[in-house]
Amino acid sequence: MEGNRARLQMRLAEVIRRHREATRFSQETFADHIGMHRAQYGFIERGRRDLRLTTLERVAKGLKEPLWAILREAEEGYR
């Protein structure tokens, strides 16, 4: 179970990073955009933070993506 969670967390981090890069935000600018410290946001993109639903919702909103789409992409792989 722990291994599955870690893999999903890493896929979620990759999806978030790709979407952020597509918006042309730097990590620092995006973190500021969503009201988060850059170091905390960096942990998210490196898959080193177990995300709360409210945090994931804030990130998805900042990316202008529905939360379900981010989760589905991480679960199923890349579009």
PDB file of N, CA and C in Angstrom:
ATOM      1  N   MET A   1       0.825  -1.210   0.000  1.00  0.00           N
ATOM      2  CA  MET A   1       0.000   0.000   0.000  1.00  0.00           C
ATOM      3  C   MET A   1       0.861   1.262   0.000  1.00  0.00           C
ATOM      4  N   GLU A   2       1.894   1.271   0.837  1.00  0.00           N
ATOM      5  CA  GLU A   2       2.761   2.447   0.927  1.00  0.00           C
ATOM      6  C   GLU A   2       3.431   2.748  -0.415  1.00  0.00           C
ATOM      7  N   GLY A   3       3.870   1.701  -1.117  1.00  0.00           N
ATOM      8  CA  GLY A   3       4.498   1.890  -2.417  1.00  0.00           C
ATOM      9  C   GLY A   3       3.550   2.482  -3.436  1.00  0.00           C
ATOM     10  N   ASN A   4       2.295   2.034  -3.412  1.00  0.00           N
ATOM     11  CA  ASN A   4       1.288   2.582  -4.321  1.00  0.00           C
ATOM     12  C   ASN A   4       1.040   4.051  -4.042  1.00  0.00           C
ATOM     13  N   ARG A   5       0.986   4.409  -2.775  1.00  0.00           N
ATOM     14  CA  ARG A   5       0.763   5.798  -2.395  1.00  0.00           C
ATOM     15  C   ARG A   5       1.919   6.674  -2.869  1.00  0.00           C
ATOM     16  N   ALA A   6       3.140   6.188  -2.687  1.00  0.00           N
ATOM     17  CA  ALA A   6       4.321   6.948  -3.107  1.00  0.00           C
ATOM     18  C   ALA A   6       4.334   7.134  -4.626  1.00  0.00           C
ATOM     19  N   ARG A   7       3.967   6.088  -5.378  1.00  0.00           N
ATOM     20  CA  ARG A   7       3.925   6.200  -6.839  1.00  0.00           C
ATOM     21  C   ARG A   7       2.859   7.199  -7.285  1.00  0.00           C
ATOM     22  N   LEU A   8       1.690   7.138  -6.656  1.00  0.00           N
ATOM     23  CA  LEU A   8       0.633   8.090  -6.999  1.00  0.00           C
ATOM     24  C   LEU A   8       1.067   9.512  -6.660  1.00  0.00           C
ATOM     25  N   GLN A   9       1.708   9.680  -5.531  1.00  0.00           N
ATOM     26  CA  GLN A   9       2.177  11.003  -5.118  1.00  0.00           C
ATOM     27  C   GLN A   9       3.191  11.555  -6.124  1.00  0.00           C
ATOM     28  N   MET A  10       4.081  10.697  -6.616  1.00  0.00           N
ATOM     29  CA  MET A  10       5.065  11.138  -7.615  1.00  0.00           C
ATOM     30  C   MET A  10       4.397  11.471  -8.944  1.00  0.00           C
ATOM     31  N   ARG A  11       3.406  10.674  -9.356  1.00  0.00           N
ATOM     32  CA  ARG A  11       2.687  10.983 -10.603  1.00  0.00           C
ATOM     33  C   ARG A  11       1.919  12.289 -10.455  1.00  0.00           C
ATOM     34  N   LEU A  12       1.316  12.492  -9.303  1.00  0.00           N
ATOM     35  CA  LEU A  12       0.594  13.737  -9.053  1.00  0.00           C
ATOM     36  C   LEU A  12       1.550  14.920  -9.117  1.00  0.00           C
ATOM     37  N   ALA A  13       2.729  14.784  -8.534  1.00  0.00           N
ATOM     38  CA  ALA A  13       3.741  15.843  -8.577  1.00  0.00           C
ATOM     39  C   ALA A  13       4.128  16.158 -10.020  1.00  0.00           C
ATOM     40  N   GLU A  14       4.311  15.124 -10.832  1.00  0.00           N
ATOM     41  CA  GLU A  14       4.682  15.314 -12.237  1.00  0.00           C
ATOM     42  C   GLU A  14       3.581  16.027 -13.008  1.00  0.00           C
ATOM     43  N   VAL A  15       2.338  15.641 -12.769  1.00  0.00           N
ATOM     44  CA  VAL A  15       1.203  16.268 -13.446  1.00  0.00           C
ATOM     45  C   VAL A  15       1.124  17.742 -13.069  1.00  0.00           C
ATOM     46  N   ILE A  16       1.245  18.033 -11.792  1.00  0.00           N
ATOM     47  CA  ILE A  16       1.180  19.420 -11.330  1.00  0.00           C
ATOM     48  C   ILE A  16       2.305  20.233 -11.959  1.00  0.00           C
ATOM     49  N   ARG A  17       3.522  19.698 -11.965  1.00  0.00           N
ATOM     50  CA  ARG A  17       4.657  20.416 -12.536  1.00  0.00           C
ATOM     51  C   ARG A  17       4.433  20.697 -14.022  1.00  0.00           C
ATOM     52  N   ARG A  18       3.984  19.687 -14.775  1.00  0.00           N
ATOM     53  CA  ARG A  18       3.755  19.893 -16.207  1.00  0.00           C
ATOM     54  C   ARG A  18       2.704  20.965 -16.460  1.00  0.00           C
ATOM     55  N   HIS A  19       1.636  20.948 -15.676  1.00  0.00           N
ATOM     56  CA  HIS A  19       0.592  21.968 -15.850  1.00  0.00           C
ATOM     57  C   HIS A  19       1.114  23.347 -15.474  1.00  0.00           C
ATOM     58  N   ARG A  20       1.896  23.431 -14.405  1.00  0.00           N
ATOM     59  CA  ARG A  20       2.467  24.726 -14.015  1.00  0.00           C
ATOM     60  C   ARG A  20       3.402  25.244 -15.092  1.00  0.00           C
ATOM     61  N   GLU A  21       4.245  24.372 -15.634  1.00  0.00           N
ATOM     62  CA  GLU A  21       5.164  24.791 -16.698  1.00  0.00           C
ATOM     63  C   GLU A  21       4.401  25.237 -17.945  1.00  0.00           C
ATOM     64  N   ALA A  22       3.276  24.596 -18.230  1.00  0.00           N
ATOM     65  CA  ALA A  22       2.462  24.972 -19.384  1.00  0.00           C
ATOM     66  C   ALA A  22       1.874  26.375 -19.226  1.00  0.00           C
ATOM     67  N   THR A  23       1.679  26.796 -17.980  1.00  0.00           N
ATOM     68  CA  THR A  23       1.164  28.148 -17.731  1.00  0.00           C
ATOM     69  C   THR A  23       2.274  29.187 -17.785  1.00  0.00           C
ATOM     70  N   ARG A  24       3.526  28.713 -17.891  1.00  0.00           N
ATOM     71  CA  ARG A  24       4.722  29.559 -17.945  1.00  0.00           C
ATOM     72  C   ARG A  24       5.000  30.306 -16.641  1.00  0.00           C
ATOM     73  N   PHE A  25       4.437  29.801 -15.549  1.00  0.00           N
ATOM     74  CA  PHE A  25       4.755  30.319 -14.217  1.00  0.00           C
ATOM     75  C   PHE A  25       6.043  29.665 -13.744  1.00  0.00           C
ATOM     76  N   SER A  26       6.892  30.429 -13.075  1.00  0.00           N
ATOM     77  CA  SER A  26       8.001  29.806 -12.358  1.00  0.00           C
ATOM     78  C   SER A  26       7.408  29.218 -11.078  1.00  0.00           C
ATOM     79  N   GLN A  27       8.165  28.355 -10.413  1.00  0.00           N
ATOM     80  CA  GLN A  27       7.679  27.808  -9.134  1.00  0.00           C
ATOM     81  C   GLN A  27       7.392  28.941  -8.163  1.00  0.00           C
ATOM     82  N   GLU A  28       8.299  29.885  -8.080  1.00  0.00           N
ATOM     83  CA  GLU A  28       8.141  30.985  -7.127  1.00  0.00           C
ATOM     84  C   GLU A  28       6.917  31.833  -7.439  1.00  0.00           C
ATOM     85  N   THR A  29       6.734  32.173  -8.697  1.00  0.00           N
ATOM     86  CA  THR A  29       5.591  32.998  -9.087  1.00  0.00           C
ATOM     87  C   THR A  29       4.279  32.256  -8.868  1.00  0.00           C
ATOM     88  N   PHE A  30       4.260  30.960  -9.210  1.00  0.00           N
ATOM     89  CA  PHE A  30       3.034  30.186  -9.024  1.00  0.00           C
ATOM     90  C   PHE A  30       2.710  30.040  -7.546  1.00  0.00           C
ATOM     91  N   ALA A  31       3.731  29.756  -6.735  1.00  0.00           N
ATOM     92  CA  ALA A  31       3.505  29.634  -5.294  1.00  0.00           C
ATOM     93  C   ALA A  31       2.902  30.927  -4.747  1.00  0.00           C
ATOM     94  N   ASP A  32       3.426  32.055  -5.176  1.00  0.00           N
ATOM     95  CA  ASP A  32       2.886  33.346  -4.749  1.00  0.00           C
ATOM     96  C   ASP A  32       1.450  33.512  -5.242  1.00  0.00           C
ATOM     97  N   HIS A  33       1.195  33.085  -6.460  1.00  0.00           N
ATOM     98  CA  HIS A  33      -0.133  33.176  -7.076  1.00  0.00           C
ATOM     99  C   HIS A  33      -1.189  32.429  -6.256  1.00  0.00           C
ATOM    100  N   ILE A  34      -0.804  31.302  -5.661  1.00  0.00           N
ATOM    101  CA  ILE A  34      -1.765  30.513  -4.880  1.00  0.00           C
ATOM    102  C   ILE A  34      -1.625  30.743  -3.379  1.00  0.00           C
ATOM    103  N   GLY A  35      -0.777  31.694  -2.985  1.00  0.00           N
ATOM    104  CA  GLY A  35      -0.639  32.025  -1.569  1.00  0.00           C
ATOM    105  C   GLY A  35       0.109  30.987  -0.760  1.00  0.00           C
ATOM    106  N   MET A  36       1.177  30.456  -1.347  1.00  0.00           N
ATOM    107  CA  MET A  36       1.948  29.420  -0.674  1.00  0.00           C
ATOM    108  C   MET A  36       3.422  29.793  -0.742  1.00  0.00           C
ATOM    109  N   HIS A  37       4.172  29.412   0.267  1.00  0.00           N
ATOM    110  CA  HIS A  37       5.615  29.650   0.260  1.00  0.00           C
ATOM    111  C   HIS A  37       6.254  28.785  -0.821  1.00  0.00           C
ATOM    112  N   ARG A  38       7.244  29.321  -1.530  1.00  0.00           N
ATOM    113  CA  ARG A  38       7.877  28.600  -2.622  1.00  0.00           C
ATOM    114  C   ARG A  38       8.479  27.266  -2.181  1.00  0.00           C
ATOM    115  N   ALA A  39       9.072  27.232  -1.001  1.00  0.00           N
ATOM    116  CA  ALA A  39       9.673  25.980  -0.520  1.00  0.00           C
ATOM    117  C   ALA A  39       8.609  24.902  -0.319  1.00  0.00           C
ATOM    118  N   GLN A  40       7.476  25.281   0.246  1.00  0.00           N
ATOM    119  CA  GLN A  40       6.382  24.322   0.422  1.00  0.00           C
ATOM    120  C   GLN A  40       5.882  23.813  -0.924  1.00  0.00           C
ATOM    121  N   TYR A  41       5.739  24.738  -1.870  1.00  0.00           N
ATOM    122  CA  TYR A  41       5.274  24.334  -3.195  1.00  0.00           C
ATOM    123  C   TYR A  41       6.305  23.433  -3.874  1.00  0.00           C
ATOM    124  N   GLY A  42       7.569  23.729  -3.689  1.00  0.00           N
ATOM    125  CA  GLY A  42       8.630  22.891  -4.251  1.00  0.00           C
ATOM    126  C   GLY A  42       8.543  21.460  -3.759  1.00  0.00           C
ATOM    127  N   PHE A  43       8.201  21.279  -2.474  1.00  0.00           N
ATOM    128  CA  PHE A  43       8.023  19.930  -1.934  1.00  0.00           C
ATOM    129  C   PHE A  43       6.903  19.197  -2.672  1.00  0.00           C
ATOM    130  N   ILE A  44       5.858  19.913  -3.028  1.00  0.00           N
ATOM    131  CA  ILE A  44       4.735  19.307  -3.754  1.00  0.00           C
ATOM    132  C   ILE A  44       5.212  18.789  -5.104  1.00  0.00           C
ATOM    133  N   GLU A  45       5.938  19.629  -5.845  1.00  0.00           N
ATOM    134  CA  GLU A  45       6.387  19.233  -7.181  1.00  0.00           C
ATOM    135  C   GLU A  45       7.445  18.141  -7.149  1.00  0.00           C
ATOM    136  N   ARG A  46       8.112  17.979  -6.047  1.00  0.00           N
ATOM    137  CA  ARG A  46       9.094  16.900  -5.931  1.00  0.00           C
ATOM    138  C   ARG A  46       8.465  15.635  -5.341  1.00  0.00           C
ATOM    139  N   GLY A  47       7.181  15.682  -5.045  1.00  0.00           N
ATOM    140  CA  GLY A  47       6.494  14.515  -4.500  1.00  0.00           C
ATOM    141  C   GLY A  47       6.887  14.213  -3.070  1.00  0.00           C
ATOM    142  N   ARG A  48       7.362  15.211  -2.358  1.00  0.00           N
ATOM    143  CA  ARG A  48       7.840  15.007  -0.998  1.00  0.00           C
ATOM    144  C   ARG A  48       6.835  15.494   0.045  1.00  0.00           C
ATOM    145  N   ARG A  49       5.645  15.803  -0.396  1.00  0.00           N
ATOM    146  CA  ARG A  49       4.616  16.267   0.534  1.00  0.00           C
ATOM    147  C   ARG A  49       3.331  15.507   0.261  1.00  0.00           C
ATOM    148  N   ASP A  50       2.796  14.906   1.303  1.00  0.00           N
ATOM    149  CA  ASP A  50       1.515  14.226   1.198  1.00  0.00           C
ATOM    150  C   ASP A  50       0.442  15.313   1.193  1.00  0.00           C
ATOM    151  N   LEU A  51      -0.236  15.457   0.071  1.00  0.00           N
ATOM    152  CA  LEU A  51      -1.157  16.584  -0.109  1.00  0.00           C
ATOM    153  C   LEU A  51      -2.490  16.382   0.586  1.00  0.00           C
ATOM    154  N   ARG A  52      -2.930  17.430   1.235  1.00  0.00           N
ATOM    155  CA  ARG A  52      -4.300  17.466   1.739  1.00  0.00           C
ATOM    156  C   ARG A  52      -5.196  17.841   0.571  1.00  0.00           C
ATOM    157  N   LEU A  53      -6.418  17.452   0.657  1.00  0.00           N
ATOM    158  CA  LEU A  53      -7.372  17.752  -0.401  1.00  0.00           C
ATOM    159  C   LEU A  53      -7.513  19.264  -0.601  1.00  0.00           C
ATOM    160  N   THR A  54      -7.518  20.025   0.473  1.00  0.00           N
ATOM    161  CA  THR A  54      -7.665  21.481   0.360  1.00  0.00           C
ATOM    162  C   THR A  54      -6.460  22.110  -0.343  1.00  0.00           C
ATOM    163  N   THR A  55      -5.269  21.554  -0.101  1.00  0.00           N
ATOM    164  CA  THR A  55      -4.075  22.073  -0.769  1.00  0.00           C
ATOM    165  C   THR A  55      -4.117  21.733  -2.251  1.00  0.00           C
ATOM    166  N   LEU A  56      -4.493  20.508  -2.557  1.00  0.00           N
ATOM    167  CA  LEU A  56      -4.598  20.096  -3.954  1.00  0.00           C
ATOM    168  C   LEU A  56      -5.648  20.932  -4.683  1.00  0.00           C
ATOM    169  N   GLU A  57      -6.724  21.224  -4.003  1.00  0.00           N
ATOM    170  CA  GLU A  57      -7.769  22.059  -4.596  1.00  0.00           C
ATOM    171  C   GLU A  57      -7.227  23.456  -4.902  1.00  0.00           C
ATOM    172  N   ARG A  58      -6.432  24.014  -4.001  1.00  0.00           N
ATOM    173  CA  ARG A  58      -5.833  25.336  -4.213  1.00  0.00           C
ATOM    174  C   ARG A  58      -4.892  25.318  -5.415  1.00  0.00           C
ATOM    175  N   VAL A  59      -4.090  24.265  -5.534  1.00  0.00           N
ATOM    176  CA  VAL A  59      -3.166  24.136  -6.665  1.00  0.00           C
ATOM    177  C   VAL A  59      -3.956  24.016  -7.971  1.00  0.00           C
ATOM    178  N   ALA A  60      -4.960  23.158  -8.001  1.00  0.00           N
ATOM    179  CA  ALA A  60      -5.772  22.962  -9.205  1.00  0.00           C
ATOM    180  C   ALA A  60      -6.451  24.268  -9.618  1.00  0.00           C
ATOM    181  N   LYS A  61      -6.965  24.991  -8.660  1.00  0.00           N
ATOM    182  CA  LYS A  61      -7.615  26.271  -8.952  1.00  0.00           C
ATOM    183  C   LYS A  61      -6.607  27.248  -9.556  1.00  0.00           C
ATOM    184  N   GLY A  62      -5.397  27.276  -9.001  1.00  0.00           N
ATOM    185  CA  GLY A  62      -4.350  28.141  -9.535  1.00  0.00           C
ATOM    186  C   GLY A  62      -3.960  27.765 -10.955  1.00  0.00           C
ATOM    187  N   LEU A  63      -4.059  26.481 -11.273  1.00  0.00           N
ATOM    188  CA  LEU A  63      -3.757  25.999 -12.622  1.00  0.00           C
ATOM    189  C   LEU A  63      -4.942  26.146 -13.566  1.00  0.00           C
ATOM    190  N   LYS A  64      -6.093  26.552 -13.019  1.00  0.00           N
ATOM    191  CA  LYS A  64      -7.342  26.672 -13.778  1.00  0.00           C
ATOM    192  C   LYS A  64      -7.740  25.327 -14.385  1.00  0.00           C
ATOM    193  N   GLU A  65      -7.571  24.298 -13.565  1.00  0.00           N
ATOM    194  CA  GLU A  65      -7.943  22.937 -13.943  1.00  0.00           C
ATOM    195  C   GLU A  65      -8.893  22.397 -12.887  1.00  0.00           C
ATOM    196  N   PRO A  66      -9.879  21.593 -13.287  1.00  0.00           N
ATOM    197  CA  PRO A  66     -10.730  20.962 -12.277  1.00  0.00           C
ATOM    198  C   PRO A  66      -9.910  19.955 -11.466  1.00  0.00           C
ATOM    199  N   LEU A  67     -10.191  19.891 -10.199  1.00  0.00           N
ATOM    200  CA  LEU A  67      -9.484  18.978  -9.311  1.00  0.00           C
ATOM    201  C   LEU A  67      -9.566  17.542  -9.821  1.00  0.00           C
ATOM    202  N   TRP A  68     -10.741  17.136 -10.272  1.00  0.00           N
ATOM    203  CA  TRP A  68     -10.908  15.768 -10.747  1.00  0.00           C
ATOM    204  C   TRP A  68      -9.999  15.470 -11.934  1.00  0.00           C
ATOM    205  N   ALA A  69      -9.741  16.462 -12.785  1.00  0.00           N
ATOM    206  CA  ALA A  69      -8.906  16.241 -13.963  1.00  0.00           C
ATOM    207  C   ALA A  69      -7.450  16.000 -13.570  1.00  0.00           C
ATOM    208  N   ILE A  70      -6.975  16.742 -12.579  1.00  0.00           N
ATOM    209  CA  ILE A  70      -5.608  16.561 -12.086  1.00  0.00           C
ATOM    210  C   ILE A  70      -5.476  15.162 -11.483  1.00  0.00           C
ATOM    211  N   LEU A  71      -6.431  14.791 -10.672  1.00  0.00           N
ATOM    212  CA  LEU A  71      -6.397  13.468 -10.040  1.00  0.00           C
ATOM    213  C   LEU A  71      -6.489  12.343 -11.067  1.00  0.00           C
ATOM    214  N   ARG A  72      -7.374  12.500 -12.016  1.00  0.00           N
ATOM    215  CA  ARG A  72      -7.539  11.462 -13.038  1.00  0.00           C
ATOM    216  C   ARG A  72      -6.273  11.308 -13.862  1.00  0.00           C
ATOM    217  N   GLU A  73      -5.668  12.419 -14.230  1.00  0.00           N
ATOM    218  CA  GLU A  73      -4.439  12.358 -15.017  1.00  0.00           C
ATOM    219  C   GLU A  73      -3.326  11.651 -14.242  1.00  0.00           C
ATOM    220  N   ALA A  74      -3.236  11.931 -12.957  1.00  0.00           N
ATOM    221  CA  ALA A  74      -2.226  11.267 -12.132  1.00  0.00           C
ATOM    222  C   ALA A  74      -2.535   9.782 -11.978  1.00  0.00           C
ATOM    223  N   GLU A  75      -3.789   9.443 -11.866  1.00  0.00           N
ATOM    224  CA  GLU A  75      -4.195   8.057 -11.683  1.00  0.00           C
ATOM    225  C   GLU A  75      -4.012   7.237 -12.969  1.00  0.00           C
ATOM    226  N   GLU A  76      -4.375   7.810 -14.091  1.00  0.00           N
ATOM    227  CA  GLU A  76      -4.368   7.074 -15.349  1.00  0.00           C
ATOM    228  C   GLU A  76      -3.073   7.207 -16.118  1.00  0.00           C
ATOM    229  N   GLY A  77      -2.272   8.156 -15.800  1.00  0.00           N
ATOM    230  CA  GLY A  77      -1.073   8.431 -16.581  1.00  0.00           C
ATOM    231  C   GLY A  77      -1.256   9.736 -17.319  1.00  0.00           C
ATOM    232  N   TYR A  78      -0.485   9.960 -18.322  1.00  0.00           N
ATOM    233  CA  TYR A  78      -0.519  11.240 -19.032  1.00  0.00           C
ATOM    234  C   TYR A  78      -1.518  11.234 -20.155  1.00  0.00           C
ATOM    235  N   ARG A  79      -2.020  12.444 -20.431  1.00  0.00           N
ATOM    236  CA  ARG A  79      -2.982  12.614 -21.533  1.00  0.00           C
ATOM    237  C   ARG A  79      -2.299  12.388 -22.858  1.00  0.00           C
TER     238      ARG A  79
END
